[in-house]
Protein backbone atom coordinates (compact mmCIF):
# COMPACT_ATOMS: atom_id res chain seq x y z
CA UNK A 1 129.28 128.30 -39.22
CA UNK A 2 130.18 127.97 -35.51
CA UNK A 3 127.43 126.55 -33.28
CA UNK A 4 127.66 129.29 -30.64
CA UNK A 5 126.66 132.27 -32.69
CA UNK A 6 125.76 135.46 -30.88
CA UNK A 7 122.06 134.76 -31.31
CA UNK A 8 122.32 131.20 -29.98
CA UNK A 9 124.42 132.33 -27.02
CA UNK A 10 121.86 135.00 -26.14
CA UNK A 11 119.02 132.48 -26.47
CA UNK A 12 120.92 130.06 -24.23
CA UNK A 13 121.46 132.71 -21.55
CA UNK A 14 117.81 133.75 -21.71
CA UNK A 15 116.63 130.14 -21.41
CA UNK A 16 118.96 129.51 -18.48
CA UNK A 17 117.70 132.68 -16.79
CA UNK A 18 114.10 131.62 -17.37
CA UNK A 19 114.71 128.16 -15.90
CA UNK A 20 116.45 129.64 -12.87
CA UNK A 21 113.58 132.07 -12.38
CA UNK A 22 111.00 129.28 -12.57
CA UNK A 23 113.04 127.17 -10.15
CA UNK A 24 113.35 130.06 -7.69
CA UNK A 25 109.60 130.72 -7.90
CA UNK A 26 108.87 127.04 -7.23
CA UNK A 27 111.05 127.13 -4.11
CA UNK A 28 109.31 130.30 -2.88
CA UNK A 29 105.93 128.55 -3.29
CA UNK A 30 107.24 125.55 -1.32
CA UNK A 31 108.50 127.90 1.42
CA UNK A 32 105.09 129.60 1.58
CA UNK A 33 103.29 126.25 1.81
CA UNK A 34 105.49 125.13 4.72
CA UNK A 35 105.07 128.54 6.35
CA UNK A 36 101.31 128.03 6.50
CA UNK A 37 101.47 124.49 7.86
CA UNK A 38 101.35 123.80 11.61
CA UNK A 39 102.49 120.26 12.39
CA UNK A 40 102.24 120.53 16.18
CA UNK A 41 102.34 117.00 17.56
CA UNK A 42 103.85 115.08 20.43
CA UNK A 43 107.63 115.32 20.48
CA UNK A 44 110.63 114.75 22.72
CA UNK A 45 111.46 118.46 22.79
CA UNK A 46 110.18 121.80 21.62
CA UNK A 47 113.02 123.74 19.98
CA UNK A 48 112.88 127.53 19.80
CA UNK A 49 115.16 129.15 17.24
CA UNK A 50 116.82 132.24 18.69
CA UNK A 51 116.37 135.80 17.51
CA UNK A 52 117.57 139.17 18.71
CA UNK A 53 117.45 140.24 22.33
CA UNK A 54 117.82 143.75 23.72
CA UNK A 55 119.61 144.04 27.07
CA UNK A 56 118.03 140.88 28.41
CA UNK A 57 114.62 141.36 26.80
CA UNK A 58 113.56 139.25 23.81
CA UNK A 59 112.89 141.22 20.64
CA UNK A 60 109.24 141.15 19.45
CA UNK A 61 110.12 138.40 16.95
CA UNK A 62 111.88 136.30 19.59
CA UNK A 63 109.09 136.92 22.10
CA UNK A 64 106.47 135.64 19.64
CA UNK A 65 108.45 132.43 19.19
CA UNK A 66 108.87 132.00 22.96
CA UNK A 67 105.20 132.69 23.65
CA UNK A 68 104.22 130.05 21.09
CA UNK A 69 106.67 127.54 22.58
CA UNK A 70 105.19 128.20 26.03
CA UNK A 71 101.70 127.50 24.69
CA UNK A 72 102.86 124.25 23.09
CA UNK A 73 104.55 123.18 26.33
CA UNK A 74 101.47 124.01 28.40
CA UNK A 75 99.35 121.96 25.99
CA UNK A 76 101.60 118.96 26.67
CA UNK A 77 103.29 118.56 23.29
CA UNK A 78 106.73 117.92 24.84
CA UNK A 79 108.31 117.64 28.31
CA UNK A 80 111.14 120.09 27.63
CA UNK A 81 111.83 123.31 25.74
CA UNK A 82 115.27 123.84 24.19
CA UNK A 83 116.12 127.48 23.45
CA UNK A 84 118.91 128.14 20.97
CA UNK A 85 120.88 131.27 20.16
CA UNK A 86 124.27 132.89 20.58
CA UNK A 87 125.61 136.32 21.51
CA UNK A 88 124.73 138.80 18.78
CA UNK A 89 126.99 141.56 17.44
CA UNK A 90 127.80 144.17 20.10
CA UNK A 91 125.86 142.12 22.70
CA UNK A 92 127.03 140.60 25.97
CA UNK A 93 124.07 138.28 26.62
CA UNK A 94 123.24 135.22 24.58
CA UNK A 95 119.78 134.67 23.17
CA UNK A 96 119.43 131.17 24.62
CA UNK A 97 119.74 132.34 28.22
CA UNK A 98 117.52 135.36 27.66
CA UNK A 99 114.88 133.09 26.14
CA UNK A 100 115.16 130.62 29.01
CA UNK A 101 114.71 133.39 31.60
CA UNK A 102 111.68 134.74 29.73
CA UNK A 103 109.98 131.33 29.66
CA UNK A 104 110.62 130.78 33.35
CA UNK A 105 109.05 134.16 34.09
CA UNK A 106 106.01 132.99 32.12
CA UNK A 107 105.68 130.14 34.60
CA UNK A 108 107.40 127.22 32.89
CA UNK A 109 109.40 125.03 35.31
CA UNK A 110 113.08 125.97 35.24
CA UNK A 111 114.10 122.32 34.91
CA UNK A 112 111.98 122.03 31.75
CA UNK A 113 113.64 124.92 29.92
CA UNK A 114 117.20 124.39 28.73
CA UNK A 115 119.35 126.98 26.94
CA UNK A 116 121.59 125.66 24.16
CA UNK A 117 123.99 128.52 23.58
CA UNK A 118 126.61 128.64 20.85
CA UNK A 119 124.55 128.43 17.69
CA UNK A 120 125.36 131.51 15.61
CA UNK A 121 123.11 130.48 12.71
CA UNK A 122 120.34 128.00 11.95
CA UNK A 123 122.68 125.11 11.16
CA UNK A 124 124.90 125.44 14.22
CA UNK A 125 121.84 125.99 16.44
CA UNK A 126 120.40 122.68 15.28
CA UNK A 127 123.80 121.05 15.75
CA UNK A 128 123.50 122.02 19.43
CA UNK A 129 120.14 120.27 19.47
CA UNK A 130 121.63 117.15 17.91
CA UNK A 131 124.33 117.09 20.61
CA UNK A 132 121.65 117.31 23.29
CA UNK A 133 119.98 114.23 21.78
CA UNK A 134 123.16 112.12 21.73
CA UNK A 135 122.50 108.73 23.27
CA UNK A 136 118.72 109.06 22.90
CA UNK A 137 116.80 106.70 20.64
CA UNK A 138 113.92 109.06 19.84
CA UNK A 139 114.74 112.47 18.35
CA UNK A 140 111.36 113.99 17.63
CA UNK A 141 111.60 117.78 17.69
CA UNK A 142 108.86 120.38 17.39
CA UNK A 143 110.58 123.35 15.77
CA UNK A 144 109.33 126.85 16.57
CA UNK A 145 110.35 129.84 14.48
CA UNK A 146 108.82 132.16 11.89
CA UNK A 147 106.88 130.57 9.07
CA UNK A 148 109.34 131.53 6.34
CA UNK A 149 112.02 129.58 8.21
CA UNK A 150 110.24 126.23 8.32
CA UNK A 151 111.29 124.52 5.08
CA UNK A 152 114.97 125.26 5.66
CA UNK A 153 114.67 124.10 9.27
CA UNK A 154 113.22 120.78 8.14
CA UNK A 155 116.01 120.22 5.61
CA UNK A 156 118.75 120.90 8.16
CA UNK A 157 117.10 118.93 10.96
CA UNK A 158 116.72 115.88 8.75
CA UNK A 159 120.37 116.15 7.69
CA UNK A 160 121.29 116.10 11.40
CA UNK A 161 119.30 112.90 12.02
CA UNK A 162 116.49 114.63 13.88
CA UNK A 163 112.81 113.89 13.24
CA UNK A 164 111.35 117.36 12.68
CA UNK A 165 107.85 118.75 12.95
CA UNK A 166 107.27 122.46 12.51
CA UNK A 167 104.99 124.94 14.26
CA UNK A 168 105.35 128.57 13.14
CA UNK A 169 104.80 131.34 15.69
CA UNK A 170 101.38 132.83 14.82
CA UNK A 171 101.98 136.11 16.63
CA UNK A 172 105.19 137.05 14.86
CA UNK A 173 105.43 140.68 13.76
CA UNK A 174 107.13 139.45 10.60
CA UNK A 175 104.07 137.39 9.67
CA UNK A 176 101.82 140.38 10.42
CA UNK A 177 103.75 142.65 8.03
CA UNK A 178 102.96 141.56 4.47
CA UNK A 179 105.85 143.41 2.83
CA UNK A 180 108.41 142.21 5.37
CA UNK A 181 107.14 138.64 5.29
CA UNK A 182 107.20 138.59 1.48
CA UNK A 183 110.80 139.78 1.53
CA UNK A 184 111.78 136.91 3.80
CA UNK A 185 109.91 134.40 1.63
CA UNK A 186 111.73 135.66 -1.47
CA UNK A 187 115.10 135.46 0.33
CA UNK A 188 114.40 131.86 1.29
CA UNK A 189 114.03 131.13 -2.40
CA UNK A 190 117.82 131.50 -2.55
CA UNK A 191 118.72 130.18 0.91
CA UNK A 192 116.84 126.89 0.64
CA UNK A 193 118.68 125.65 -2.50
CA UNK A 194 122.03 126.70 -1.00
CA UNK A 195 121.20 124.80 2.18
CA UNK A 196 120.06 121.76 0.24
CA UNK A 197 123.19 121.74 -1.94
CA UNK A 198 125.97 122.67 0.47
CA UNK A 199 124.98 122.13 4.13
CA UNK A 200 125.45 118.38 4.48
C-alpha cells in the first residue's frame, strides 16, 4: 500500500496547517509584547518612521509619532531627531520634510532635526539611517513608530548594524482603536517572518 494515502495526505496537510497557525500566533504574541515595551534610553539619534501627510500636515498617526519624538528630545534622550519618509502616492511633498517642519514649529532647533527622505518602506527608511551613521562608531538609535511596528523595526535595524531601542508613540490613533490595532498586530504575524527570512 502506498505511504501517501488520501487519509495520510489529509492528516499531513492538517498538521502542517496547525503548526503554521501556532507559529503565526506565537509571532503575534511576540509583536504584542514588543508593542507594549518602551525602551526609551540615551541614544545617538531619535528616529521617527514616516507616515502619511496631507498637503504639508502630518496625518494623525504621523503627528503622534512626531509628538512623542519631540517629548523624547526635550527629555534629553538624544541630540538629534532623524525623520524618515518618502513621497506618497499622488503626493508632491515627502513625509521627512513635512515631519521636520512640524517638529521645528513645535520648538525643536532646526539644526537638531534632520529629514532623511527617500525611504519608501521600513527597510529603505532604515537604510537611510544607516547611511547617516556611516563613519560613526556608536549607532544607538531610539526608534519611534506605532507599537505594532516595533519588533520588525528591531529586526531590520539589527540587520543594518544599528543598535536599536524602541519607544512606541503612546498617543497613536491606531493604538487607541482596538479593532484597528488588532488588525495591524495580526498582519505583523505574517510580515515579521517574511522580514526575518528574506530582508538580509
